[in-house]
Each structure stands twice: as structure tokens, then as C-alpha cells.
Amino acid sequence: MPRITPVPKEKRTEPYWKDLNKIIDPELNIGLVDLGLIYDVKIKDSHAHVIMTLTSPGCPFGPMLLQQVEERMSSFGDIQTVEVDVVWDPVWNQEFMDQDIKDLMFGF
């Protein structure tokens, strides 16, 4: 499998990016897109394929977040099926977070 690189912020123009960011990570109280947990979304022939990660492999909220991602993507009328893949390469780190959120949280 080729190395996954997160979609840059300036290329996240489709409405589903904004909608997916409404899913809030309960531990950090930040949207999944702003956290950098959603790496990519591909839509083809009414099928959405979401590639994402979690903050850690043992995230207790993982199953709930995956279900919410599937539900949000299914809410778009042109999406018939949703596949959510959790990947661990690249491993999530704070560098994937939106710069504005990093500035608010860490001052860098």
C-alpha cells in the first residue's frame, strides 16, 4: 500500500470536510479534521472511502468515532456506501493538527 499523506487544508474544499469536523474528539474537544485524524476522503460511484487514524491504537472512543464518521458521510444524498479504514502509517502526531488549533493550544 502506498504511503498515505494527509490532504492539505487548502485542498479540503468539499462540504464533507466541514461536516466531518463537526465530529468532536471527546478527549481533546476538537473536531476530527482540525485534529488531523481524517487523512483523506475519496468518493467514486456513490461510495465514500474515508482514510483516518486515531490519536492512539487504544483510543477508547475509536469505535464511536468510526460510527460517527460513517453516519456523517452517509447523510450526504449522493453517498450510498461508506468504508472507513483506520491506518497507523503515518502515525498521528500534533504536527497533523490545524495550525490555528496548535497556536491556540500550544502557542506555537
PDB file of N, CA and C in Angstrom:
ATOM      1  N   MET A   1       0.851  -1.185   0.000  1.00  0.00           N
ATOM      2  CA  MET A   1       0.000   0.000   0.000  1.00  0.00           C
ATOM      3  C   MET A   1       0.893   1.243   0.000  1.00  0.00           C
ATOM      4  N   PRO A   2       0.594   2.205  -0.876  1.00  0.00           N
ATOM      5  CA  PRO A   2       1.420   3.416  -0.909  1.00  0.00           C
ATOM      6  C   PRO A   2       1.264   4.236   0.369  1.00  0.00           C
ATOM      7  N   ARG A   3       2.293   4.990   0.661  1.00  0.00           N
ATOM      8  CA  ARG A   3       2.276   5.827   1.861  1.00  0.00           C
ATOM      9  C   ARG A   3       1.160   6.861   1.753  1.00  0.00           C
ATOM     10  N   ILE A   4       0.421   7.011   2.824  1.00  0.00           N
ATOM     11  CA  ILE A   4      -0.693   7.951   2.878  1.00  0.00           C
ATOM     12  C   ILE A   4      -0.182   9.289   3.374  1.00  0.00           C
ATOM     13  N   THR A   5      -0.574  10.338   2.686  1.00  0.00           N
ATOM     14  CA  THR A   5      -0.252  11.685   3.156  1.00  0.00           C
ATOM     15  C   THR A   5      -1.570  12.428   3.341  1.00  0.00           C
ATOM     16  N   PRO A   6      -1.749  13.067   4.475  1.00  0.00           N
ATOM     17  CA  PRO A   6      -2.997  13.795   4.719  1.00  0.00           C
ATOM     18  C   PRO A   6      -3.249  14.879   3.674  1.00  0.00           C
ATOM     19  N   VAL A   7      -4.511  15.042   3.305  1.00  0.00           N
ATOM     20  CA  VAL A   7      -4.905  16.088   2.356  1.00  0.00           C
ATOM     21  C   VAL A   7      -4.639  17.447   3.004  1.00  0.00           C
ATOM     22  N   PRO A   8      -3.904  18.320   2.323  1.00  0.00           N
ATOM     23  CA  PRO A   8      -3.632  19.649   2.886  1.00  0.00           C
ATOM     24  C   PRO A   8      -4.918  20.463   3.067  1.00  0.00           C
ATOM     25  N   LYS A   9      -4.903  21.338   4.038  1.00  0.00           N
ATOM     26  CA  LYS A   9      -6.086  22.138   4.377  1.00  0.00           C
ATOM     27  C   LYS A   9      -6.658  22.877   3.171  1.00  0.00           C
ATOM     28  N   GLU A  10      -5.802  23.465   2.358  1.00  0.00           N
ATOM     29  CA  GLU A  10      -6.281  24.252   1.225  1.00  0.00           C
ATOM     30  C   GLU A  10      -6.975  23.397   0.152  1.00  0.00           C
ATOM     31  N   LYS A  11      -6.800  22.088   0.193  1.00  0.00           N
ATOM     32  CA  LYS A  11      -7.459  21.200  -0.776  1.00  0.00           C
ATOM     33  C   LYS A  11      -8.709  20.538  -0.203  1.00  0.00           C
ATOM     34  N   ARG A  12      -9.036  20.838   1.032  1.00  0.00           N
ATOM     35  CA  ARG A  12     -10.244  20.274   1.659  1.00  0.00           C
ATOM     36  C   ARG A  12     -11.424  21.207   1.418  1.00  0.00           C
ATOM     37  N   THR A  13     -11.887  21.259   0.186  1.00  0.00           N
ATOM     38  CA  THR A  13     -12.930  22.220  -0.167  1.00  0.00           C
ATOM     39  C   THR A  13     -14.325  21.611  -0.227  1.00  0.00           C
ATOM     40  N   GLU A  14     -14.433  20.300  -0.339  1.00  0.00           N
ATOM     41  CA  GLU A  14     -15.737  19.659  -0.430  1.00  0.00           C
ATOM     42  C   GLU A  14     -16.479  19.798   0.902  1.00  0.00           C
ATOM     43  N   PRO A  15     -17.816  19.873   0.864  1.00  0.00           N
ATOM     44  CA  PRO A  15     -18.605  20.096   2.086  1.00  0.00           C
ATOM     45  C   PRO A  15     -18.438  19.012   3.149  1.00  0.00           C
ATOM     46  N   TYR A  16     -18.110  17.802   2.743  1.00  0.00           N
ATOM     47  CA  TYR A  16     -17.982  16.748   3.745  1.00  0.00           C
ATOM     48  C   TYR A  16     -16.825  16.989   4.702  1.00  0.00           C
ATOM     49  N   TRP A  17     -15.800  17.743   4.306  1.00  0.00           N
ATOM     50  CA  TRP A  17     -14.700  18.039   5.240  1.00  0.00           C
ATOM     51  C   TRP A  17     -15.224  18.855   6.425  1.00  0.00           C
ATOM     52  N   LYS A  18     -16.034  19.858   6.130  1.00  0.00           N
ATOM     53  CA  LYS A  18     -16.609  20.691   7.184  1.00  0.00           C
ATOM     54  C   LYS A  18     -17.528  19.861   8.078  1.00  0.00           C
ATOM     55  N   ASP A  19     -18.311  18.985   7.463  1.00  0.00           N
ATOM     56  CA  ASP A  19     -19.238  18.147   8.217  1.00  0.00           C
ATOM     57  C   ASP A  19     -18.484  17.149   9.106  1.00  0.00           C
ATOM     58  N   LEU A  20     -17.431  16.550   8.577  1.00  0.00           N
ATOM     59  CA  LEU A  20     -16.644  15.607   9.388  1.00  0.00           C
ATOM     60  C   LEU A  20     -15.972  16.303  10.571  1.00  0.00           C
ATOM     61  N   ASN A  21     -15.690  17.590  10.411  1.00  0.00           N
ATOM     62  CA  ASN A  21     -15.060  18.323  11.514  1.00  0.00           C
ATOM     63  C   ASN A  21     -16.031  18.595  12.660  1.00  0.00           C
ATOM     64  N   LYS A  22     -17.321  18.376  12.420  1.00  0.00           N
ATOM     65  CA  LYS A  22     -18.312  18.525  13.488  1.00  0.00           C
ATOM     66  C   LYS A  22     -18.276  17.333  14.449  1.00  0.00           C
ATOM     67  N   ILE A  23     -17.566  16.276  14.058  1.00  0.00           N
ATOM     68  CA  ILE A  23     -17.373  15.138  14.964  1.00  0.00           C
ATOM     69  C   ILE A  23     -16.244  15.528  15.903  1.00  0.00           C
ATOM     70  N   ILE A  24     -16.565  15.607  17.179  1.00  0.00           N
ATOM     71  CA  ILE A  24     -15.622  16.111  18.174  1.00  0.00           C
ATOM     72  C   ILE A  24     -14.959  14.961  18.923  1.00  0.00           C
ATOM     73  N   ASP A  25     -13.635  15.011  18.989  1.00  0.00           N
ATOM     74  CA  ASP A  25     -12.906  14.044  19.804  1.00  0.00           C
ATOM     75  C   ASP A  25     -13.220  14.361  21.261  1.00  0.00           C
ATOM     76  N   PRO A  26     -13.828  13.414  22.012  1.00  0.00           N
ATOM     77  CA  PRO A  26     -14.260  13.709  23.380  1.00  0.00           C
ATOM     78  C   PRO A  26     -13.116  13.980  24.356  1.00  0.00           C
ATOM     79  N   GLU A  27     -11.935  13.464  24.070  1.00  0.00           N
ATOM     80  CA  GLU A  27     -10.810  13.696  24.990  1.00  0.00           C
ATOM     81  C   GLU A  27     -10.194  15.075  24.800  1.00  0.00           C
ATOM     82  N   LEU A  28     -10.116  15.532  23.555  1.00  0.00           N
ATOM     83  CA  LEU A  28      -9.460  16.808  23.271  1.00  0.00           C
ATOM     84  C   LEU A  28     -10.440  17.925  22.941  1.00  0.00           C
ATOM     85  N   ASN A  29     -11.721  17.577  22.724  1.00  0.00           N
ATOM     86  CA  ASN A  29     -12.764  18.557  22.425  1.00  0.00           C
ATOM     87  C   ASN A  29     -12.446  19.378  21.169  1.00  0.00           C
ATOM     88  N   ILE A  30     -11.932  18.682  20.158  1.00  0.00           N
ATOM     89  CA  ILE A  30     -11.568  19.306  18.886  1.00  0.00           C
ATOM     90  C   ILE A  30     -12.131  18.425  17.772  1.00  0.00           C
ATOM     91  N   GLY A  31     -12.547  19.048  16.676  1.00  0.00           N
ATOM     92  CA  GLY A  31     -13.052  18.310  15.529  1.00  0.00           C
ATOM     93  C   GLY A  31     -11.998  17.399  14.919  1.00  0.00           C
ATOM     94  N   LEU A  32     -12.446  16.278  14.361  1.00  0.00           N
ATOM     95  CA  LEU A  32     -11.523  15.286  13.809  1.00  0.00           C
ATOM     96  C   LEU A  32     -10.666  15.829  12.674  1.00  0.00           C
ATOM     97  N   VAL A  33     -11.236  16.701  11.840  1.00  0.00           N
ATOM     98  CA  VAL A  33     -10.453  17.258  10.736  1.00  0.00           C
ATOM     99  C   VAL A  33      -9.401  18.220  11.279  1.00  0.00           C
ATOM    100  N   ASP A  34      -9.793  19.107  12.194  1.00  0.00           N
ATOM    101  CA  ASP A  34      -8.820  20.033  12.791  1.00  0.00           C
ATOM    102  C   ASP A  34      -7.711  19.299  13.532  1.00  0.00           C
ATOM    103  N   LEU A  35      -8.051  18.155  14.104  1.00  0.00           N
ATOM    104  CA  LEU A  35      -7.036  17.351  14.793  1.00  0.00           C
ATOM    105  C   LEU A  35      -6.085  16.680  13.812  1.00  0.00           C
ATOM    106  N   GLY A  36      -6.499  16.557  12.568  1.00  0.00           N
ATOM    107  CA  GLY A  36      -5.666  15.874  11.582  1.00  0.00           C
ATOM    108  C   GLY A  36      -5.877  14.373  11.574  1.00  0.00           C
ATOM    109  N   LEU A  37      -7.003  13.912  12.106  1.00  0.00           N
ATOM    110  CA  LEU A  37      -7.266  12.476  12.159  1.00  0.00           C
ATOM    111  C   LEU A  37      -7.865  11.936  10.862  1.00  0.00           C
ATOM    112  N   ILE A  38      -8.490  12.792  10.070  1.00  0.00           N
ATOM    113  CA  ILE A  38      -9.028  12.371   8.778  1.00  0.00           C
ATOM    114  C   ILE A  38      -7.953  12.668   7.740  1.00  0.00           C
ATOM    115  N   TYR A  39      -7.361  11.611   7.201  1.00  0.00           N
ATOM    116  CA  TYR A  39      -6.271  11.787   6.238  1.00  0.00           C
ATOM    117  C   TYR A  39      -6.781  12.067   4.832  1.00  0.00           C
ATOM    118  N   ASP A  40      -7.840  11.354   4.428  1.00  0.00           N
ATOM    119  CA  ASP A  40      -8.316  11.518   3.058  1.00  0.00           C
ATOM    120  C   ASP A  40      -9.743  10.991   2.947  1.00  0.00           C
ATOM    121  N   VAL A  41     -10.461  11.511   1.975  1.00  0.00           N
ATOM    122  CA  VAL A  41     -11.793  11.026   1.627  1.00  0.00           C
ATOM    123  C   VAL A  41     -11.834  10.925   0.108  1.00  0.00           C
ATOM    124  N   LYS A  42     -12.173   9.755  -0.369  1.00  0.00           N
ATOM    125  CA  LYS A  42     -12.298   9.542  -1.811  1.00  0.00           C
ATOM    126  C   LYS A  42     -13.731   9.108  -2.086  1.00  0.00           C
ATOM    127  N   ILE A  43     -14.349   9.736  -3.082  1.00  0.00           N
ATOM    128  CA  ILE A  43     -15.712   9.383  -3.442  1.00  0.00           C
ATOM    129  C   ILE A  43     -15.728   8.980  -4.910  1.00  0.00           C
ATOM    130  N   LYS A  44     -16.289   7.798  -5.150  1.00  0.00           N
ATOM    131  CA  LYS A  44     -16.385   7.287  -6.509  1.00  0.00           C
ATOM    132  C   LYS A  44     -17.627   6.412  -6.608  1.00  0.00           C
ATOM    133  N   ASP A  45     -18.442   6.693  -7.599  1.00  0.00           N
ATOM    134  CA  ASP A  45     -19.638   5.878  -7.864  1.00  0.00           C
ATOM    135  C   ASP A  45     -20.499   5.693  -6.616  1.00  0.00           C
ATOM    136  N   SER A  46     -20.820   6.763  -5.926  1.00  0.00           N
ATOM    137  CA  SER A  46     -21.676   6.765  -4.731  1.00  0.00           C
ATOM    138  C   SER A  46     -21.067   6.031  -3.541  1.00  0.00           C
ATOM    139  N   HIS A  47     -19.767   5.774  -3.591  1.00  0.00           N
ATOM    140  CA  HIS A  47     -19.068   5.095  -2.497  1.00  0.00           C
ATOM    141  C   HIS A  47     -18.037   6.060  -1.906  1.00  0.00           C
ATOM    142  N   ALA A  48     -18.089   6.227  -0.588  1.00  0.00           N
ATOM    143  CA  ALA A  48     -17.110   7.074   0.110  1.00  0.00           C
ATOM    144  C   ALA A  48     -16.115   6.180   0.830  1.00  0.00           C
ATOM    145  N   HIS A  49     -14.852   6.459   0.628  1.00  0.00           N
ATOM    146  CA  HIS A  49     -13.775   5.740   1.307  1.00  0.00           C
ATOM    147  C   HIS A  49     -13.026   6.758   2.150  1.00  0.00           C
ATOM    148  N   VAL A  50     -13.145   6.627   3.471  1.00  0.00           N
ATOM    149  CA  VAL A  50     -12.505   7.552   4.407  1.00  0.00           C
ATOM    150  C   VAL A  50     -11.286   6.862   4.991  1.00  0.00           C
ATOM    151  N   ILE A  51     -10.154   7.534   4.894  1.00  0.00           N
ATOM    152  CA  ILE A  51      -8.918   7.027   5.486  1.00  0.00           C
ATOM    153  C   ILE A  51      -8.598   7.934   6.659  1.00  0.00           C
ATOM    154  N   MET A  52      -8.493   7.332   7.819  1.00  0.00           N
ATOM    155  CA  MET A  52      -8.279   8.122   9.032  1.00  0.00           C
ATOM    156  C   MET A  52      -7.417   7.348  10.015  1.00  0.00           C
ATOM    157  N   THR A  53      -7.126   7.989  11.106  1.00  0.00           N
ATOM    158  CA  THR A  53      -6.404   7.354  12.198  1.00  0.00           C
ATOM    159  C   THR A  53      -7.038   7.806  13.500  1.00  0.00           C
ATOM    160  N   LEU A  54      -6.477   7.366  14.589  1.00  0.00           N
ATOM    161  CA  LEU A  54      -6.902   7.784  15.923  1.00  0.00           C
ATOM    162  C   LEU A  54      -5.678   8.320  16.652  1.00  0.00           C
ATOM    163  N   THR A  55      -5.888   9.003  17.756  1.00  0.00           N
ATOM    164  CA  THR A  55      -4.745   9.556  18.477  1.00  0.00           C
ATOM    165  C   THR A  55      -3.858   8.465  19.049  1.00  0.00           C
ATOM    166  N   SER A  56      -4.431   7.278  19.290  1.00  0.00           N
ATOM    167  CA  SER A  56      -3.641   6.135  19.780  1.00  0.00           C
ATOM    168  C   SER A  56      -4.395   4.850  19.435  1.00  0.00           C
ATOM    169  N   PRO A  57      -3.662   3.739  19.296  1.00  0.00           N
ATOM    170  CA  PRO A  57      -4.325   2.468  18.997  1.00  0.00           C
ATOM    171  C   PRO A  57      -5.332   2.045  20.066  1.00  0.00           C
ATOM    172  N   GLY A  58      -5.124   2.455  21.297  1.00  0.00           N
ATOM    173  CA  GLY A  58      -6.027   2.071  22.378  1.00  0.00           C
ATOM    174  C   GLY A  58      -7.101   3.098  22.680  1.00  0.00           C
ATOM    175  N   CYS A  59      -7.365   4.000  21.750  1.00  0.00           N
ATOM    176  CA  CYS A  59      -8.351   5.060  21.979  1.00  0.00           C
ATOM    177  C   CYS A  59      -9.698   4.447  22.357  1.00  0.00           C
ATOM    178  N   PRO A  60     -10.198   4.738  23.568  1.00  0.00           N
ATOM    179  CA  PRO A  60     -11.460   4.141  23.996  1.00  0.00           C
ATOM    180  C   PRO A  60     -12.671   4.646  23.202  1.00  0.00           C
ATOM    181  N   PHE A  61     -12.514   5.765  22.519  1.00  0.00           N
ATOM    182  CA  PHE A  61     -13.616   6.338  21.752  1.00  0.00           C
ATOM    183  C   PHE A  61     -13.561   5.964  20.273  1.00  0.00           C
ATOM    184  N   GLY A  62     -12.577   5.165  19.887  1.00  0.00           N
ATOM    185  CA  GLY A  62     -12.397   4.785  18.492  1.00  0.00           C
ATOM    186  C   GLY A  62     -13.652   4.252  17.823  1.00  0.00           C
ATOM    187  N   PRO A  63     -14.296   3.215  18.375  1.00  0.00           N
ATOM    188  CA  PRO A  63     -15.495   2.676  17.719  1.00  0.00           C
ATOM    189  C   PRO A  63     -16.605   3.721  17.556  1.00  0.00           C
ATOM    190  N   MET A  64     -16.779   4.575  18.540  1.00  0.00           N
ATOM    191  CA  MET A  64     -17.808   5.613  18.471  1.00  0.00           C
ATOM    192  C   MET A  64     -17.465   6.618  17.357  1.00  0.00           C
ATOM    193  N   LEU A  65     -16.199   7.019  17.276  1.00  0.00           N
ATOM    194  CA  LEU A  65     -15.790   7.986  16.261  1.00  0.00           C
ATOM    195  C   LEU A  65     -15.947   7.404  14.858  1.00  0.00           C
ATOM    196  N   LEU A  66     -15.595   6.135  14.679  1.00  0.00           N
ATOM    197  CA  LEU A  66     -15.738   5.495  13.371  1.00  0.00           C
ATOM    198  C   LEU A  66     -17.200   5.446  12.951  1.00  0.00           C
ATOM    199  N   GLN A  67     -18.074   5.140  13.897  1.00  0.00           N
ATOM    200  CA  GLN A  67     -19.504   5.096  13.602  1.00  0.00           C
ATOM    201  C   GLN A  67     -20.006   6.481  13.205  1.00  0.00           C
ATOM    202  N   GLN A  68     -19.542   7.500  13.909  1.00  0.00           N
ATOM    203  CA  GLN A  68     -19.972   8.866  13.586  1.00  0.00           C
ATOM    204  C   GLN A  68     -19.482   9.291  12.203  1.00  0.00           C
ATOM    205  N   VAL A  69     -18.274   8.897  11.842  1.00  0.00           N
ATOM    206  CA  VAL A  69     -17.753   9.219  10.508  1.00  0.00           C
ATOM    207  C   VAL A  69     -18.631   8.556   9.449  1.00  0.00           C
ATOM    208  N   GLU A  70     -18.952   7.295   9.656  1.00  0.00           N
ATOM    209  CA  GLU A  70     -19.801   6.583   8.701  1.00  0.00           C
ATOM    210  C   GLU A  70     -21.180   7.237   8.594  1.00  0.00           C
ATOM    211  N   GLU A  71     -21.763   7.612   9.733  1.00  0.00           N
ATOM    212  CA  GLU A  71     -23.083   8.247   9.726  1.00  0.00           C
ATOM    213  C   GLU A  71     -23.054   9.601   9.021  1.00  0.00           C
ATOM    214  N   ARG A  72     -22.029  10.398   9.286  1.00  0.00           N
ATOM    215  CA  ARG A  72     -21.936  11.728   8.650  1.00  0.00           C
ATOM    216  C   ARG A  72     -21.814  11.603   7.141  1.00  0.00           C
ATOM    217  N   MET A  73     -20.950  10.692   6.692  1.00  0.00           N
ATOM    218  CA  MET A  73     -20.770  10.532   5.257  1.00  0.00           C
ATOM    219  C   MET A  73     -22.035   9.973   4.612  1.00  0.00           C
ATOM    220  N   SER A  74     -22.744   9.102   5.302  1.00  0.00           N
ATOM    221  CA  SER A  74     -23.985   8.526   4.776  1.00  0.00           C
ATOM    222  C   SER A  74     -25.091   9.565   4.662  1.00  0.00           C
ATOM    223  N   SER A  75     -24.965  10.657   5.392  1.00  0.00           N
ATOM    224  CA  SER A  75     -26.007  11.682   5.371  1.00  0.00           C
ATOM    225  C   SER A  75     -26.001  12.484   4.075  1.00  0.00           C
ATOM    226  N   PHE A  76     -24.917  12.390   3.291  1.00  0.00           N
ATOM    227  CA  PHE A  76     -24.873  13.070   2.005  1.00  0.00           C
ATOM    228  C   PHE A  76     -25.673  12.241   1.009  1.00  0.00           C
ATOM    229  N   GLY A  77     -26.626  12.867   0.350  1.00  0.00           N
ATOM    230  CA  GLY A  77     -27.563  12.169  -0.512  1.00  0.00           C
ATOM    231  C   GLY A  77     -26.945  11.346  -1.625  1.00  0.00           C
ATOM    232  N   ASP A  78     -25.778  11.773  -2.117  1.00  0.00           N
ATOM    233  CA  ASP A  78     -25.171  11.050  -3.227  1.00  0.00           C
ATOM    234  C   ASP A  78     -24.277   9.889  -2.773  1.00  0.00           C
ATOM    235  N   ILE A  79     -24.169   9.677  -1.467  1.00  0.00           N
ATOM    236  CA  ILE A  79     -23.338   8.590  -0.929  1.00  0.00           C
ATOM    237  C   ILE A  79     -24.239   7.409  -0.572  1.00  0.00           C
ATOM    238  N   GLN A  80     -23.975   6.268  -1.179  1.00  0.00           N
ATOM    239  CA  GLN A  80     -24.748   5.063  -0.904  1.00  0.00           C
ATOM    240  C   GLN A  80     -24.041   4.139   0.094  1.00  0.00           C
ATOM    241  N   THR A  81     -22.725   4.040  -0.021  1.00  0.00           N
ATOM    242  CA  THR A  81     -21.948   3.172   0.874  1.00  0.00           C
ATOM    243  C   THR A  81     -20.745   3.933   1.398  1.00  0.00           C
ATOM    244  N   VAL A  82     -20.338   3.558   2.605  1.00  0.00           N
ATOM    245  CA  VAL A  82     -19.205   4.213   3.250  1.00  0.00           C
ATOM    246  C   VAL A  82     -18.262   3.138   3.789  1.00  0.00           C
ATOM    247  N   GLU A  83     -17.008   3.325   3.513  1.00  0.00           N
ATOM    248  CA  GLU A  83     -15.964   2.452   4.032  1.00  0.00           C
ATOM    249  C   GLU A  83     -14.998   3.334   4.814  1.00  0.00           C
ATOM    250  N   VAL A  84     -14.732   2.963   6.056  1.00  0.00           N
ATOM    251  CA  VAL A  84     -13.804   3.730   6.890  1.00  0.00           C
ATOM    252  C   VAL A  84     -12.625   2.830   7.213  1.00  0.00           C
ATOM    253  N   ASP A  85     -11.447   3.238   6.787  1.00  0.00           N
ATOM    254  CA  ASP A  85     -10.225   2.497   7.084  1.00  0.00           C
ATOM    255  C   ASP A  85      -9.405   3.271   8.098  1.00  0.00           C
ATOM    256  N   VAL A  86      -9.040   2.596   9.170  1.00  0.00           N
ATOM    257  CA  VAL A  86      -8.139   3.184  10.164  1.00  0.00           C
ATOM    258  C   VAL A  86      -6.734   2.708   9.830  1.00  0.00           C
ATOM    259  N   VAL A  87      -5.833   3.661   9.678  1.00  0.00           N
ATOM    260  CA  VAL A  87      -4.444   3.337   9.358  1.00  0.00           C
ATOM    261  C   VAL A  87      -3.533   3.846  10.461  1.00  0.00           C
ATOM    262  N   TRP A  88      -2.380   3.239  10.577  1.00  0.00           N
ATOM    263  CA  TRP A  88      -1.410   3.643  11.603  1.00  0.00           C
ATOM    264  C   TRP A  88      -0.116   4.140  10.982  1.00  0.00           C
ATOM    265  N   ASP A  89      -0.110   4.273   9.660  1.00  0.00           N
ATOM    266  CA  ASP A  89       1.055   4.792   8.965  1.00  0.00           C
ATOM    267  C   ASP A  89       0.556   5.809   7.957  1.00  0.00           C
ATOM    268  N   PRO A  90       0.777   7.068   8.173  1.00  0.00           N
ATOM    269  CA  PRO A  90       1.631   7.619   9.222  1.00  0.00           C
ATOM    270  C   PRO A  90       0.934   7.648  10.580  1.00  0.00           C
ATOM    271  N   VAL A  91       1.731   7.540  11.603  1.00  0.00           N
ATOM    272  CA  VAL A  91       1.230   7.626  12.973  1.00  0.00           C
ATOM    273  C   VAL A  91       0.868   9.079  13.246  1.00  0.00           C
ATOM    274  N   TRP A  92      -0.310   9.283  13.848  1.00  0.00           N
ATOM    275  CA  TRP A  92      -0.753  10.641  14.132  1.00  0.00           C
ATOM    276  C   TRP A  92       0.181  11.305  15.146  1.00  0.00           C
ATOM    277  N   ASN A  93       0.417  12.588  14.932  1.00  0.00           N
ATOM    278  CA  ASN A  93       1.125  13.398  15.926  1.00  0.00           C
ATOM    279  C   ASN A  93       0.606  14.820  15.813  1.00  0.00           C
ATOM    280  N   GLN A  94       0.996  15.662  16.721  1.00  0.00           N
ATOM    281  CA  GLN A  94       0.477  17.033  16.787  1.00  0.00           C
ATOM    282  C   GLN A  94       0.772  17.843  15.529  1.00  0.00           C
ATOM    283  N   GLU A  95       1.737  17.426  14.753  1.00  0.00           N
ATOM    284  CA  GLU A  95       2.057  18.158  13.523  1.00  0.00           C
ATOM    285  C   GLU A  95       0.918  18.093  12.509  1.00  0.00           C
ATOM    286  N   PHE A  96       0.039  17.093  12.614  1.00  0.00           N
ATOM    287  CA  PHE A  96      -1.085  16.964  11.694  1.00  0.00           C
ATOM    288  C   PHE A  96      -2.235  17.902  12.055  1.00  0.00           C
ATOM    289  N   MET A  97      -2.193  18.502  13.228  1.00  0.00           N
ATOM    290  CA  MET A  97      -3.260  19.390  13.665  1.00  0.00           C
ATOM    291  C   MET A  97      -3.265  20.674  12.843  1.00  0.00           C
ATOM    292  N   ASP A  98      -4.442  21.260  12.682  1.00  0.00           N
ATOM    293  CA  ASP A  98      -4.583  22.546  12.032  1.00  0.00           C
ATOM    294  C   ASP A  98      -3.718  23.568  12.783  1.00  0.00           C
ATOM    295  N   GLN A  99      -3.002  24.399  12.043  1.00  0.00           N
ATOM    296  CA  GLN A  99      -2.072  25.351  12.661  1.00  0.00           C
ATOM    297  C   GLN A  99      -2.773  26.293  13.644  1.00  0.00           C
ATOM    298  N   ASP A 100      -3.987  26.729  13.308  1.00  0.00           N
ATOM    299  CA  ASP A 100      -4.716  27.628  14.215  1.00  0.00           C
ATOM    300  C   ASP A 100      -5.005  26.941  15.558  1.00  0.00           C
ATOM    301  N   ILE A 101      -5.329  25.660  15.511  1.00  0.00           N
ATOM    302  CA  ILE A 101      -5.609  24.910  16.744  1.00  0.00           C
ATOM    303  C   ILE A 101      -4.323  24.735  17.548  1.00  0.00           C
ATOM    304  N   LYS A 102      -3.227  24.423  16.851  1.00  0.00           N
ATOM    305  CA  LYS A 102      -1.935  24.289  17.548  1.00  0.00           C
ATOM    306  C   LYS A 102      -1.576  25.596  18.238  1.00  0.00           C
ATOM    307  N   ASP A 103      -1.786  26.708  17.529  1.00  0.00           N
ATOM    308  CA  ASP A 103      -1.468  28.017  18.113  1.00  0.00           C
ATOM    309  C   ASP A 103      -2.296  28.269  19.372  1.00  0.00           C
ATOM    310  N   LEU A 104      -3.574  27.933  19.320  1.00  0.00           N
ATOM    311  CA  LEU A 104      -4.455  28.125  20.491  1.00  0.00           C
ATOM    312  C   LEU A 104      -4.036  27.242  21.658  1.00  0.00           C
ATOM    313  N   MET A 105      -3.730  25.989  21.344  1.00  0.00           N
ATOM    314  CA  MET A 105      -3.443  25.028  22.417  1.00  0.00           C
ATOM    315  C   MET A 105      -2.032  25.154  22.975  1.00  0.00           C
ATOM    316  N   PHE A 106      -1.077  25.353  22.079  1.00  0.00           N
ATOM    317  CA  PHE A 106       0.325  25.249  22.495  1.00  0.00           C
ATOM    318  C   PHE A 106       1.128  26.531  22.314  1.00  0.00           C
ATOM    319  N   GLY A 107       0.559  27.492  21.621  1.00  0.00           N
ATOM    320  CA  GLY A 107       1.272  28.737  21.416  1.00  0.00           C
ATOM    321  C   GLY A 107       2.456  28.630  20.471  1.00  0.00           C
ATOM    322  N   PHE A 108       2.421  27.615  19.545  1.00  0.00           N
ATOM    323  CA  PHE A 108       3.499  27.525  18.556  1.00  0.00           C
ATOM    324  C   PHE A 108       2.905  27.337  17.227  1.00  0.00           C
TER     325      PHE A 108
END
